[in-house]
Amino acid sequence: MELIVLPDRVDIARGRLQDGSHLYDCALGRNGVRAAKREGDGSTPAGRFLLRHVMYRPDRLLAPPKTALPVRPIRQTDGWCTSPEDDTYNQAISLPHAAGAESLWREDTLYDVLVVVGHNEPPAAPGAGSAIFLHVAAPDFGATAGCIAMKQSDLMELLGAVKPETWLDIRLIVER
């Protein structure tokens, strides 16, 4: 199975995620999709990546997402290392953490459900990007820092169809 992310030709921070005949609106990085992803560049990485596992807020969802991927609840101490110089770069960590990290326990609803995308996997190349997730979109479908974001109901529907061998193919816009 393959999911295809197609960026919009007009609004680079928007796109469509295609699952067979299903099309879902999605938000992308504020600087669109780039082949050479760098830490903090605000772009979504182009390429083919496996979906690794699902995390969710147990205080906000009545039940864990139904999916064939591994699932675990997010704890208040869960984070993701975003410091290229750290040995745990682009890996799940426990907070507090000595190096720069992003908290996965957010006040907004963006990480109520998230899927870890297998981008720049360990051993991660320093500075090649971290914390790339498929997650819940903001109500206005605003741009992300580099993730792919969808309406929560669409994400939950999609999770019911994916398998551990599902590829996420994030495509560049090719001008002719």
N, C-alpha and C. Protein backbone atom coordinates (compact mmCIF):
# COMPACT_ATOMS: atom_id res chain seq x y z
N MET A 1 0.84 -1.18 0.00
CA MET A 1 0.00 0.00 0.00
C MET A 1 0.89 1.24 0.00
N GLU A 2 0.44 2.25 -0.73
CA GLU A 2 1.20 3.50 -0.78
C GLU A 2 0.25 4.68 -0.64
N LEU A 3 0.64 5.62 0.19
CA LEU A 3 -0.07 6.88 0.34
C LEU A 3 0.75 7.92 -0.41
N ILE A 4 0.10 8.76 -1.18
CA ILE A 4 0.81 9.77 -1.97
C ILE A 4 0.41 11.15 -1.50
N VAL A 5 1.39 11.98 -1.19
CA VAL A 5 1.14 13.38 -0.82
C VAL A 5 1.51 14.23 -2.03
N LEU A 6 0.51 14.95 -2.53
CA LEU A 6 0.69 15.82 -3.69
C LEU A 6 0.53 17.26 -3.27
N PRO A 7 1.60 18.06 -3.34
CA PRO A 7 1.50 19.48 -2.96
C PRO A 7 0.61 20.25 -3.95
N ASP A 8 -0.03 21.28 -3.44
CA ASP A 8 -0.83 22.17 -4.28
C ASP A 8 0.12 23.03 -5.13
N ARG A 9 -0.25 23.32 -6.35
CA ARG A 9 0.61 24.12 -7.22
C ARG A 9 0.56 25.61 -6.90
N VAL A 10 -0.49 26.05 -6.20
CA VAL A 10 -0.64 27.47 -5.88
C VAL A 10 -0.22 27.77 -4.44
N ASP A 11 -0.79 27.04 -3.49
CA ASP A 11 -0.47 27.22 -2.07
C ASP A 11 0.48 26.11 -1.64
N ILE A 12 1.78 26.41 -1.54
CA ILE A 12 2.80 25.38 -1.28
C ILE A 12 2.65 24.73 0.10
N ALA A 13 1.89 25.34 0.99
CA ALA A 13 1.69 24.79 2.32
C ALA A 13 0.43 23.93 2.42
N ARG A 14 -0.17 23.64 1.27
CA ARG A 14 -1.37 22.79 1.24
C ARG A 14 -1.15 21.65 0.25
N GLY A 15 -1.93 20.59 0.41
CA GLY A 15 -1.82 19.48 -0.51
C GLY A 15 -2.96 18.51 -0.34
N ARG A 16 -2.81 17.39 -1.00
CA ARG A 16 -3.77 16.30 -0.90
C ARG A 16 -3.01 15.02 -0.62
N LEU A 17 -3.55 14.22 0.27
CA LEU A 17 -3.02 12.90 0.54
C LEU A 17 -3.95 11.91 -0.13
N GLN A 18 -3.40 11.07 -0.99
CA GLN A 18 -4.20 10.11 -1.75
C GLN A 18 -3.96 8.70 -1.22
N ASP A 19 -5.05 8.03 -0.89
CA ASP A 19 -5.05 6.63 -0.48
C ASP A 19 -5.96 5.90 -1.46
N GLY A 20 -5.38 5.37 -2.52
CA GLY A 20 -6.21 4.74 -3.55
C GLY A 20 -7.12 5.77 -4.17
N SER A 21 -8.43 5.56 -4.06
CA SER A 21 -9.38 6.51 -4.63
C SER A 21 -9.80 7.61 -3.64
N HIS A 22 -9.35 7.51 -2.38
CA HIS A 22 -9.67 8.53 -1.38
C HIS A 22 -8.67 9.68 -1.47
N LEU A 23 -9.18 10.91 -1.41
CA LEU A 23 -8.33 12.11 -1.36
C LEU A 23 -8.66 12.86 -0.08
N TYR A 24 -7.60 13.23 0.66
CA TYR A 24 -7.76 13.98 1.90
C TYR A 24 -6.98 15.28 1.79
N ASP A 25 -7.58 16.37 2.23
CA ASP A 25 -6.85 17.64 2.31
C ASP A 25 -5.79 17.52 3.39
N CYS A 26 -4.65 18.17 3.17
CA CYS A 26 -3.62 18.18 4.20
C CYS A 26 -2.85 19.50 4.17
N ALA A 27 -2.29 19.83 5.32
CA ALA A 27 -1.40 20.99 5.44
C ALA A 27 0.03 20.46 5.40
N LEU A 28 0.91 21.25 4.80
CA LEU A 28 2.32 20.89 4.67
C LEU A 28 3.17 21.98 5.32
N GLY A 29 4.47 21.81 5.24
CA GLY A 29 5.39 22.79 5.79
C GLY A 29 5.19 24.17 5.17
N ARG A 30 5.44 25.21 5.95
CA ARG A 30 5.20 26.59 5.49
C ARG A 30 6.03 26.94 4.25
N ASN A 31 7.12 26.22 4.03
CA ASN A 31 7.97 26.44 2.84
C ASN A 31 7.82 25.34 1.81
N GLY A 32 6.70 24.62 1.86
CA GLY A 32 6.42 23.59 0.87
C GLY A 32 7.21 22.32 1.08
N VAL A 33 7.39 21.58 -0.01
CA VAL A 33 8.10 20.30 0.00
C VAL A 33 9.47 20.50 -0.64
N ARG A 34 10.50 19.97 0.01
CA ARG A 34 11.88 20.09 -0.50
C ARG A 34 12.57 18.73 -0.46
N ALA A 35 13.42 18.51 -1.45
CA ALA A 35 14.19 17.27 -1.51
C ALA A 35 15.30 17.28 -0.47
N ALA A 36 15.90 18.43 -0.21
CA ALA A 36 17.03 18.53 0.73
C ALA A 36 16.54 19.17 2.03
N LYS A 37 15.80 18.41 2.81
CA LYS A 37 15.26 18.88 4.10
C LYS A 37 16.41 19.21 5.05
N ARG A 38 16.29 20.35 5.77
CA ARG A 38 17.26 20.76 6.78
C ARG A 38 16.49 21.11 8.05
N GLU A 39 17.11 20.89 9.19
CA GLU A 39 16.49 21.20 10.49
C GLU A 39 16.04 22.66 10.52
N GLY A 40 14.76 22.88 10.86
CA GLY A 40 14.24 24.22 11.05
C GLY A 40 13.91 24.98 9.79
N ASP A 41 13.96 24.33 8.60
CA ASP A 41 13.71 25.07 7.36
C ASP A 41 12.23 25.24 7.02
N GLY A 42 11.35 24.65 7.82
CA GLY A 42 9.92 24.81 7.59
C GLY A 42 9.40 24.08 6.36
N SER A 43 10.15 23.10 5.88
CA SER A 43 9.71 22.36 4.70
C SER A 43 9.39 20.92 5.07
N THR A 44 8.52 20.32 4.28
CA THR A 44 8.18 18.91 4.40
C THR A 44 9.15 18.14 3.50
N PRO A 45 9.75 17.06 4.00
CA PRO A 45 10.74 16.34 3.18
C PRO A 45 10.08 15.54 2.06
N ALA A 46 10.63 15.64 0.86
CA ALA A 46 10.20 14.80 -0.26
C ALA A 46 10.84 13.43 -0.10
N GLY A 47 10.16 12.40 -0.54
CA GLY A 47 10.72 11.05 -0.51
C GLY A 47 9.68 10.02 -0.12
N ARG A 48 10.14 8.77 -0.02
CA ARG A 48 9.29 7.65 0.38
C ARG A 48 9.71 7.20 1.77
N PHE A 49 8.73 7.16 2.67
CA PHE A 49 9.01 6.84 4.07
C PHE A 49 7.97 5.85 4.60
N LEU A 50 8.41 4.96 5.46
CA LEU A 50 7.47 4.07 6.15
C LEU A 50 6.84 4.82 7.32
N LEU A 51 5.63 4.41 7.67
CA LEU A 51 4.96 4.92 8.87
C LEU A 51 5.37 3.99 10.00
N ARG A 52 5.98 4.52 11.06
CA ARG A 52 6.58 3.69 12.10
C ARG A 52 5.63 3.29 13.22
N HIS A 53 5.02 4.26 13.89
CA HIS A 53 4.08 3.95 14.96
C HIS A 53 3.19 5.16 15.23
N VAL A 54 2.14 4.90 15.99
CA VAL A 54 1.13 5.91 16.31
C VAL A 54 1.22 6.23 17.79
N MET A 55 1.06 7.52 18.11
CA MET A 55 0.97 7.96 19.50
C MET A 55 -0.31 8.80 19.63
N TYR A 56 -0.91 8.78 20.80
CA TYR A 56 -2.17 9.51 20.99
C TYR A 56 -2.30 10.01 22.42
N ARG A 57 -3.13 11.04 22.60
CA ARG A 57 -3.41 11.60 23.93
C ARG A 57 -4.55 10.81 24.56
N PRO A 58 -4.27 9.98 25.57
CA PRO A 58 -5.31 9.17 26.18
C PRO A 58 -6.34 9.99 26.95
N ASP A 59 -5.99 11.21 27.33
CA ASP A 59 -6.94 12.06 28.05
C ASP A 59 -7.92 12.75 27.09
N ARG A 60 -7.67 12.68 25.79
CA ARG A 60 -8.52 13.35 24.81
C ARG A 60 -9.24 12.39 23.87
N LEU A 61 -8.74 11.18 23.70
CA LEU A 61 -9.39 10.18 22.86
C LEU A 61 -10.03 9.13 23.75
N LEU A 62 -11.23 8.70 23.40
CA LEU A 62 -11.93 7.71 24.21
C LEU A 62 -11.28 6.34 24.14
N ALA A 63 -10.64 6.05 23.01
CA ALA A 63 -9.98 4.76 22.82
C ALA A 63 -8.77 4.96 21.92
N PRO A 64 -7.81 4.05 21.99
CA PRO A 64 -6.66 4.15 21.09
C PRO A 64 -7.11 4.05 19.63
N PRO A 65 -6.39 4.69 18.71
CA PRO A 65 -6.73 4.57 17.29
C PRO A 65 -6.68 3.10 16.85
N LYS A 66 -7.62 2.73 15.98
CA LYS A 66 -7.64 1.37 15.43
C LYS A 66 -6.76 1.35 14.19
N THR A 67 -5.67 0.60 14.28
CA THR A 67 -4.70 0.54 13.20
C THR A 67 -3.84 -0.70 13.35
N ALA A 68 -3.21 -1.12 12.26
CA ALA A 68 -2.28 -2.24 12.29
C ALA A 68 -0.88 -1.80 12.73
N LEU A 69 -0.65 -0.48 12.84
CA LEU A 69 0.64 0.03 13.29
C LEU A 69 0.74 -0.09 14.81
N PRO A 70 1.95 -0.16 15.36
CA PRO A 70 2.08 -0.13 16.83
C PRO A 70 1.52 1.19 17.37
N VAL A 71 0.85 1.12 18.52
CA VAL A 71 0.20 2.29 19.13
C VAL A 71 0.60 2.38 20.58
N ARG A 72 0.84 3.63 21.04
CA ARG A 72 1.08 3.83 22.47
C ARG A 72 0.60 5.22 22.87
N PRO A 73 0.18 5.37 24.11
CA PRO A 73 -0.27 6.68 24.58
C PRO A 73 0.90 7.64 24.77
N ILE A 74 0.63 8.92 24.58
CA ILE A 74 1.61 9.97 24.87
C ILE A 74 1.54 10.27 26.36
N ARG A 75 2.73 10.36 26.97
CA ARG A 75 2.83 10.74 28.38
C ARG A 75 3.25 12.21 28.46
N GLN A 76 3.00 12.84 29.59
CA GLN A 76 3.36 14.26 29.75
C GLN A 76 4.85 14.50 29.63
N THR A 77 5.66 13.50 29.83
CA THR A 77 7.12 13.64 29.75
C THR A 77 7.68 13.26 28.38
N ASP A 78 6.83 12.91 27.42
CA ASP A 78 7.31 12.51 26.10
C ASP A 78 7.74 13.72 25.28
N GLY A 79 8.88 13.57 24.62
CA GLY A 79 9.39 14.60 23.74
C GLY A 79 10.09 13.99 22.55
N TRP A 80 10.60 14.86 21.67
CA TRP A 80 11.33 14.43 20.49
C TRP A 80 12.55 15.33 20.36
N CYS A 81 13.74 14.74 20.28
CA CYS A 81 14.98 15.52 20.23
C CYS A 81 15.14 16.20 18.87
N THR A 82 15.35 17.52 18.90
CA THR A 82 15.51 18.32 17.68
C THR A 82 16.90 18.96 17.57
N SER A 83 17.82 18.54 18.41
CA SER A 83 19.18 19.10 18.42
C SER A 83 20.12 18.22 17.61
N PRO A 84 20.58 18.71 16.44
CA PRO A 84 21.44 17.90 15.57
C PRO A 84 22.72 17.41 16.24
N GLU A 85 23.22 18.12 17.22
CA GLU A 85 24.48 17.73 17.87
C GLU A 85 24.29 16.68 18.96
N ASP A 86 23.05 16.34 19.30
CA ASP A 86 22.79 15.40 20.37
C ASP A 86 22.73 13.96 19.85
N ASP A 87 23.17 13.00 20.68
CA ASP A 87 23.15 11.59 20.30
C ASP A 87 21.74 11.05 20.08
N THR A 88 20.74 11.71 20.65
CA THR A 88 19.35 11.25 20.50
C THR A 88 18.59 12.05 19.45
N TYR A 89 19.31 12.77 18.58
CA TYR A 89 18.68 13.57 17.52
C TYR A 89 17.68 12.74 16.73
N ASN A 90 16.50 13.32 16.53
CA ASN A 90 15.39 12.72 15.79
C ASN A 90 14.94 11.40 16.41
N GLN A 91 14.89 11.37 17.74
CA GLN A 91 14.39 10.20 18.45
C GLN A 91 13.48 10.64 19.59
N ALA A 92 12.61 9.74 19.97
CA ALA A 92 11.76 9.98 21.15
C ALA A 92 12.66 10.04 22.38
N ILE A 93 12.36 11.00 23.25
CA ILE A 93 13.13 11.17 24.49
C ILE A 93 12.15 11.47 25.63
N SER A 94 12.68 11.45 26.84
CA SER A 94 11.90 11.81 28.01
C SER A 94 12.30 13.22 28.44
N LEU A 95 11.34 14.05 28.76
CA LEU A 95 11.59 15.42 29.19
C LEU A 95 11.63 15.48 30.72
N PRO A 96 12.43 16.36 31.31
CA PRO A 96 13.30 17.33 30.62
C PRO A 96 14.50 16.63 30.00
N HIS A 97 15.05 17.28 28.97
CA HIS A 97 16.19 16.75 28.21
C HIS A 97 17.21 17.86 28.06
N ALA A 98 18.47 17.53 28.20
CA ALA A 98 19.53 18.55 28.18
C ALA A 98 19.62 19.28 26.84
N ALA A 99 19.34 18.60 25.75
CA ALA A 99 19.41 19.22 24.42
C ALA A 99 18.02 19.71 24.02
N GLY A 100 17.96 20.43 22.90
CA GLY A 100 16.69 20.95 22.39
C GLY A 100 15.72 19.82 22.07
N ALA A 101 14.47 20.02 22.44
CA ALA A 101 13.47 18.98 22.21
C ALA A 101 12.10 19.61 22.10
N GLU A 102 11.22 18.91 21.44
CA GLU A 102 9.83 19.32 21.30
C GLU A 102 8.98 18.44 22.20
N SER A 103 8.07 19.05 22.95
CA SER A 103 7.16 18.28 23.79
C SER A 103 6.05 17.70 22.92
N LEU A 104 5.73 16.42 23.15
CA LEU A 104 4.63 15.78 22.42
C LEU A 104 3.30 15.97 23.14
N TRP A 105 3.35 16.41 24.39
CA TRP A 105 2.14 16.68 25.19
C TRP A 105 1.83 18.16 25.01
N ARG A 106 1.00 18.49 24.03
CA ARG A 106 0.74 19.88 23.67
C ARG A 106 -0.59 20.37 24.22
N GLU A 107 -0.67 21.68 24.43
CA GLU A 107 -1.93 22.28 24.87
C GLU A 107 -2.96 22.30 23.75
N ASP A 108 -2.50 22.52 22.50
CA ASP A 108 -3.44 22.49 21.38
C ASP A 108 -3.75 21.03 21.04
N THR A 109 -4.50 20.79 20.00
CA THR A 109 -4.94 19.44 19.65
C THR A 109 -4.11 18.79 18.54
N LEU A 110 -3.05 19.44 18.09
CA LEU A 110 -2.30 18.96 16.93
C LEU A 110 -1.70 17.57 17.12
N TYR A 111 -1.26 17.25 18.33
CA TYR A 111 -0.67 15.94 18.59
C TYR A 111 -1.60 15.03 19.36
N ASP A 112 -2.90 15.26 19.29
CA ASP A 112 -3.83 14.33 19.92
C ASP A 112 -3.67 12.94 19.32
N VAL A 113 -3.34 12.89 18.02
CA VAL A 113 -2.99 11.66 17.32
C VAL A 113 -1.83 12.02 16.41
N LEU A 114 -0.76 11.25 16.46
CA LEU A 114 0.35 11.49 15.53
C LEU A 114 0.95 10.17 15.10
N VAL A 115 1.48 10.17 13.89
CA VAL A 115 2.15 9.01 13.32
C VAL A 115 3.59 9.41 13.07
N VAL A 116 4.52 8.64 13.59
CA VAL A 116 5.94 8.91 13.36
C VAL A 116 6.28 8.44 11.94
N VAL A 117 6.78 9.39 11.14
CA VAL A 117 7.18 9.11 9.76
C VAL A 117 8.66 8.74 9.77
N GLY A 118 9.03 7.69 9.05
CA GLY A 118 10.40 7.19 9.05
C GLY A 118 11.36 8.04 8.24
N HIS A 119 11.40 9.33 8.52
CA HIS A 119 12.33 10.26 7.86
C HIS A 119 13.59 10.43 8.71
N ASN A 120 14.77 10.39 8.07
CA ASN A 120 16.06 10.61 8.75
C ASN A 120 16.17 9.73 10.00
N GLU A 121 15.97 8.46 9.79
CA GLU A 121 15.95 7.52 10.90
C GLU A 121 17.34 7.25 11.47
N PRO A 122 17.38 6.85 12.74
CA PRO A 122 18.66 6.55 13.38
C PRO A 122 19.43 5.47 12.61
N PRO A 123 20.72 5.66 12.42
CA PRO A 123 21.43 6.85 12.89
C PRO A 123 21.09 8.06 12.01
N ALA A 124 20.52 9.07 12.63
CA ALA A 124 20.07 10.25 11.91
C ALA A 124 21.26 11.09 11.44
N ALA A 125 21.15 11.62 10.25
CA ALA A 125 22.16 12.54 9.74
C ALA A 125 21.95 13.88 10.43
N PRO A 126 22.95 14.41 11.14
CA PRO A 126 22.78 15.67 11.86
C PRO A 126 22.32 16.80 10.94
N GLY A 127 21.23 17.46 11.34
CA GLY A 127 20.72 18.60 10.61
C GLY A 127 19.82 18.28 9.44
N ALA A 128 19.56 16.99 9.16
CA ALA A 128 18.74 16.60 8.01
C ALA A 128 17.24 16.58 8.32
N GLY A 129 16.86 17.07 9.49
CA GLY A 129 15.45 17.18 9.84
C GLY A 129 15.02 16.18 10.90
N SER A 130 14.14 16.63 11.77
CA SER A 130 13.64 15.79 12.85
C SER A 130 12.16 16.05 13.09
N ALA A 131 11.55 15.16 13.83
CA ALA A 131 10.15 15.30 14.26
C ALA A 131 9.20 15.49 13.09
N ILE A 132 9.31 14.61 12.09
CA ILE A 132 8.37 14.64 10.97
C ILE A 132 7.26 13.65 11.28
N PHE A 133 6.07 14.21 11.45
CA PHE A 133 4.91 13.41 11.83
C PHE A 133 3.76 13.64 10.86
N LEU A 134 2.86 12.70 10.84
CA LEU A 134 1.53 12.86 10.25
C LEU A 134 0.66 13.12 11.47
N HIS A 135 0.02 14.30 11.54
CA HIS A 135 -0.73 14.64 12.76
C HIS A 135 -1.99 15.43 12.44
N VAL A 136 -2.70 15.84 13.47
CA VAL A 136 -3.96 16.56 13.34
C VAL A 136 -3.69 17.99 12.87
N ALA A 137 -4.48 18.46 11.92
CA ALA A 137 -4.33 19.82 11.39
C ALA A 137 -4.95 20.85 12.33
N ALA A 138 -4.42 22.06 12.25
CA ALA A 138 -5.03 23.19 12.95
C ALA A 138 -6.41 23.45 12.32
N PRO A 139 -7.34 24.06 13.07
CA PRO A 139 -8.67 24.31 12.53
C PRO A 139 -8.66 25.08 11.20
N ASP A 140 -7.68 25.97 11.01
CA ASP A 140 -7.60 26.75 9.77
C ASP A 140 -6.72 26.09 8.71
N PHE A 141 -6.27 24.87 8.97
CA PHE A 141 -5.36 24.14 8.08
C PHE A 141 -4.10 24.96 7.80
N GLY A 142 -3.64 25.67 8.83
CA GLY A 142 -2.43 26.46 8.70
C GLY A 142 -1.22 25.58 8.45
N ALA A 143 -0.18 26.18 7.89
CA ALA A 143 1.05 25.48 7.56
C ALA A 143 1.68 24.86 8.80
N THR A 144 2.45 23.81 8.59
CA THR A 144 3.17 23.14 9.66
C THR A 144 4.64 23.57 9.63
N ALA A 145 5.41 23.05 10.57
CA ALA A 145 6.86 23.30 10.58
C ALA A 145 7.60 22.30 9.68
N GLY A 146 6.86 21.37 9.07
CA GLY A 146 7.46 20.38 8.18
C GLY A 146 6.69 19.07 8.15
N CYS A 147 5.71 18.94 9.00
CA CYS A 147 4.90 17.72 9.06
C CYS A 147 3.79 17.74 8.01
N ILE A 148 3.02 16.68 7.98
CA ILE A 148 1.80 16.59 7.17
C ILE A 148 0.65 16.54 8.17
N ALA A 149 -0.31 17.42 8.04
CA ALA A 149 -1.42 17.49 8.99
C ALA A 149 -2.76 17.32 8.29
N MET A 150 -3.65 16.58 8.94
CA MET A 150 -4.97 16.27 8.38
C MET A 150 -6.06 16.50 9.42
N LYS A 151 -7.29 16.61 8.94
CA LYS A 151 -8.43 16.65 9.84
C LYS A 151 -8.41 15.36 10.67
N GLN A 152 -8.68 15.45 11.97
CA GLN A 152 -8.58 14.29 12.85
C GLN A 152 -9.42 13.13 12.35
N SER A 153 -10.65 13.36 11.92
CA SER A 153 -11.49 12.25 11.47
C SER A 153 -10.89 11.58 10.23
N ASP A 154 -10.27 12.35 9.34
CA ASP A 154 -9.60 11.77 8.17
C ASP A 154 -8.39 10.95 8.59
N LEU A 155 -7.63 11.46 9.54
CA LEU A 155 -6.45 10.74 10.02
C LEU A 155 -6.87 9.41 10.66
N MET A 156 -7.91 9.42 11.45
CA MET A 156 -8.38 8.19 12.10
C MET A 156 -8.87 7.18 11.05
N GLU A 157 -9.56 7.67 10.02
CA GLU A 157 -10.00 6.79 8.93
C GLU A 157 -8.80 6.18 8.21
N LEU A 158 -7.82 7.00 7.92
CA LEU A 158 -6.62 6.55 7.24
C LEU A 158 -5.87 5.50 8.06
N LEU A 159 -5.78 5.72 9.37
CA LEU A 159 -5.08 4.77 10.24
C LEU A 159 -5.71 3.38 10.21
N GLY A 160 -7.01 3.33 9.98
CA GLY A 160 -7.69 2.04 9.88
C GLY A 160 -7.28 1.26 8.65
N ALA A 161 -6.73 1.93 7.66
CA ALA A 161 -6.36 1.27 6.40
C ALA A 161 -4.87 0.95 6.28
N VAL A 162 -4.02 1.67 7.01
CA VAL A 162 -2.58 1.48 6.83
C VAL A 162 -2.07 0.21 7.51
N LYS A 163 -0.93 -0.26 7.03
CA LYS A 163 -0.26 -1.44 7.55
C LYS A 163 1.20 -1.08 7.81
N PRO A 164 1.95 -1.89 8.54
CA PRO A 164 3.36 -1.59 8.78
C PRO A 164 4.19 -1.44 7.49
N GLU A 165 3.74 -2.06 6.40
CA GLU A 165 4.47 -1.94 5.14
C GLU A 165 3.96 -0.82 4.24
N THR A 166 3.10 0.04 4.77
CA THR A 166 2.58 1.18 4.00
C THR A 166 3.66 2.24 3.82
N TRP A 167 3.82 2.69 2.58
CA TRP A 167 4.78 3.76 2.26
C TRP A 167 4.04 5.08 2.15
N LEU A 168 4.67 6.14 2.62
CA LEU A 168 4.19 7.51 2.45
C LEU A 168 5.12 8.15 1.42
N ASP A 169 4.58 8.48 0.26
CA ASP A 169 5.36 9.03 -0.84
C ASP A 169 5.03 10.52 -0.94
N ILE A 170 5.94 11.36 -0.47
CA ILE A 170 5.76 12.81 -0.49
C ILE A 170 6.45 13.34 -1.73
N ARG A 171 5.68 13.91 -2.63
CA ARG A 171 6.19 14.27 -3.95
C ARG A 171 6.49 15.77 -4.07
N LEU A 172 7.47 16.04 -4.90
CA LEU A 172 7.78 17.42 -5.28
C LEU A 172 6.87 17.83 -6.42
N ILE A 173 6.65 19.13 -6.56
CA ILE A 173 5.95 19.65 -7.73
C ILE A 173 6.98 19.74 -8.84
N VAL A 174 6.70 19.10 -9.95
CA VAL A 174 7.61 19.15 -11.08
C VAL A 174 6.97 20.03 -12.14
N GLU A 175 7.64 21.14 -12.44
CA GLU A 175 7.14 22.04 -13.48
C GLU A 175 7.56 21.53 -14.84
N ARG A 176 6.69 21.65 -15.81
CA ARG A 176 7.01 21.21 -17.19
C ARG A 176 7.22 22.41 -18.07
